[in-house]
C-alpha atoms as a PDB file:
ATOM      1  CA  MET A   1     -20.416  77.041 -54.710  1.00  0.00           C
ATOM      2  CA  SER A   2     -23.476  75.647 -56.483  1.00  0.00           C
ATOM      3  CA  THR A   3     -23.261  73.802 -59.791  1.00  0.00           C
ATOM      4  CA  ASP A   4     -24.747  76.751 -61.664  1.00  0.00           C
ATOM      5  CA  GLU A   5     -22.303  79.170 -60.023  1.00  0.00           C
ATOM      6  CA  LEU A   6     -19.398  76.869 -60.805  1.00  0.00           C
ATOM      7  CA  LYS A   7     -20.444  76.605 -64.468  1.00  0.00           C
ATOM      8  CA  LYS A   8     -20.745  80.387 -64.718  1.00  0.00           C
ATOM      9  CA  HIS A   9     -17.318  80.822 -63.122  1.00  0.00           C
ATOM     10  CA  LEU A  10     -15.753  78.296 -65.520  1.00  0.00           C
ATOM     11  CA  HIS A  11     -17.377  79.944 -68.564  1.00  0.00           C
ATOM     12  CA  GLU A  12     -16.024  83.326 -67.500  1.00  0.00           C
ATOM     13  CA  GLY A  13     -12.579  81.878 -66.875  1.00  0.00           C
ATOM     14  CA  ILE A  14     -12.428  80.101 -70.223  1.00  0.00           C
ATOM     15  CA  GLU A  15     -13.473  83.295 -72.025  1.00  0.00           C
ATOM     16  CA  ASN A  16     -10.360  84.997 -70.613  1.00  0.00           C
ATOM     17  CA  ILE A  17      -7.823  82.265 -71.502  1.00  0.00           C
ATOM     18  CA  ASP A  18      -5.834  82.729 -74.713  1.00  0.00           C
ATOM     19  CA  ASP A  19      -3.479  79.765 -74.240  1.00  0.00           C
ATOM     20  CA  ASP A  20      -4.412  77.239 -76.972  1.00  0.00           C
ATOM     21  CA  GLU A  21      -2.539  74.389 -75.298  1.00  0.00           C
ATOM     22  CA  PHE A  22      -4.346  74.950 -71.997  1.00  0.00           C
ATOM     23  CA  LEU A  23      -7.723  75.275 -73.745  1.00  0.00           C
ATOM     24  CA  ASN A  24      -7.071  72.016 -75.631  1.00  0.00           C
ATOM     25  CA  THR A  25      -6.321  70.318 -72.314  1.00  0.00           C
ATOM     26  CA  ILE A  26      -9.620  71.578 -70.904  1.00  0.00           C
ATOM     27  CA  LYS A  27     -11.406  70.383 -74.041  1.00  0.00           C
ATOM     28  CA  GLU A  28      -9.877  66.904 -73.674  1.00  0.00           C
ATOM     29  CA  LEU A  29     -11.060  66.746 -70.069  1.00  0.00           C
ATOM     30  CA  ILE A  30     -14.572  67.754 -71.079  1.00  0.00           C
ATOM     31  CA  ASP A  31     -14.597  65.336 -74.025  1.00  0.00           C
ATOM     32  CA  HIS A  32     -13.520  62.534 -71.710  1.00  0.00           C
ATOM     33  CA  LYS A  33     -16.409  63.238 -69.309  1.00  0.00           C
ATOM     34  CA  TYR A  34     -19.103  64.215 -71.802  1.00  0.00           C
ATOM     35  CA  SER A  35     -19.824  63.156 -75.325  1.00  0.00           C
ATOM     36  CA  ALA A  36     -22.942  63.866 -77.311  1.00  0.00           C
ATOM     37  CA  PHE A  37     -25.120  60.838 -77.955  1.00  0.00           C
ATOM     38  CA  GLU A  38     -24.112  59.019 -81.076  1.00  0.00           C
ATOM     39  CA  GLU A  39     -26.182  56.237 -82.594  1.00  0.00           C
ATOM     40  CA  PRO A  40     -24.097  53.062 -82.412  1.00  0.00           C
ATOM     41  CA  GLU A  41     -23.360  51.242 -85.644  1.00  0.00           C
ATOM     42  CA  LEU A  42     -24.535  47.658 -85.389  1.00  0.00           C
ATOM     43  CA  SER A  43     -23.371  44.694 -87.413  1.00  0.00           C
ATOM     44  CA  ASN A  44     -25.807  42.579 -89.421  1.00  0.00           C
ATOM     45  CA  TRP A  45     -25.466  39.845 -86.805  1.00  0.00           C
ATOM     46  CA  GLN A  46     -26.381  42.286 -84.012  1.00  0.00           C
ATOM     47  CA  LEU A  47     -29.381  43.590 -85.951  1.00  0.00           C
ATOM     48  CA  LYS A  48     -30.531  40.000 -86.585  1.00  0.00           C
ATOM     49  CA  ARG A  49     -30.231  39.159 -82.862  1.00  0.00           C
ATOM     50  CA  ILE A  50     -32.227  42.264 -81.917  1.00  0.00           C
ATOM     51  CA  HIS A  51     -34.958  41.329 -84.402  1.00  0.00           C
ATOM     52  CA  GLU A  52     -35.049  37.753 -83.047  1.00  0.00           C
ATOM     53  CA  SER A  53     -35.228  39.052 -79.468  1.00  0.00           C
ATOM     54  CA  GLU A  54     -38.075  41.426 -80.293  1.00  0.00           C
ATOM     55  CA  LYS A  55     -39.941  38.537 -81.917  1.00  0.00           C
ATOM     56  CA  GLN A  56     -39.442  36.363 -78.809  1.00  0.00           C
ATOM     57  CA  ILE A  57     -40.695  39.158 -76.554  1.00  0.00           C
ATOM     58  CA  SER A  58     -43.795  39.752 -78.690  1.00  0.00           C
ATOM     59  CA  GLN A  59     -44.543  36.011 -78.446  1.00  0.00           C
ATOM     60  CA  GLY A  60     -44.188  36.098 -74.656  1.00  0.00           C
ATOM     61  CA  ASP A  61     -41.014  34.006 -74.751  1.00  0.00           C
ATOM     62  CA  PHE A  62     -39.026  35.722 -71.992  1.00  0.00           C
ATOM     63  CA  LEU A  63     -38.336  35.616 -68.258  1.00  0.00           C
ATOM     64  CA  THR A  64     -39.262  38.290 -65.770  1.00  0.00           C
ATOM     65  CA  ASN A  65     -36.472  39.658 -63.593  1.00  0.00           C
ATOM     66  CA  GLU A  66     -37.884  37.687 -60.669  1.00  0.00           C
ATOM     67  CA  GLU A  67     -37.883  34.427 -62.667  1.00  0.00           C
ATOM     68  CA  ALA A  68     -34.328  35.019 -63.858  1.00  0.00           C
ATOM     69  CA  ASP A  69     -33.206  35.814 -60.285  1.00  0.00           C
ATOM     70  CA  GLN A  70     -34.754  32.575 -59.037  1.00  0.00           C
ATOM     71  CA  ILE A  71     -32.976  30.539 -61.730  1.00  0.00           C
ATOM     72  CA  ILE A  72     -29.658  32.242 -60.954  1.00  0.00           C
ATOM     73  CA  ASP A  73     -30.085  31.734 -57.188  1.00  0.00           C
ATOM     74  CA  LYS A  74     -30.854  28.052 -57.750  1.00  0.00           C
ATOM     75  CA  TRP A  75     -27.829  27.695 -60.028  1.00  0.00           C
ATOM     76  CA  LEU A  76     -25.514  29.436 -57.554  1.00  0.00           C
ATOM     77  CA  LYS A  77     -26.651  27.206 -54.703  1.00  0.00           C
ATOM     78  CA  GLY A  78     -25.645  24.209 -56.807  1.00  0.00           C
END
């Protein structure tokens, strides 16, 4: 059964269920797997760190992934 067919089958099945407890269980399962995007609330400290990081990046003060990997490899080798 394809994903689209499965979704259609589930929609039809849910439409025919009148058991509130069972429907709430299904809802909890769906809520656990999927939640709409919510903007995270950041603390003042987090906002300050983001601003500082953006400033560093704009000034070219950052490492590329390759540079960071080389530093980590060197550190791990002792």
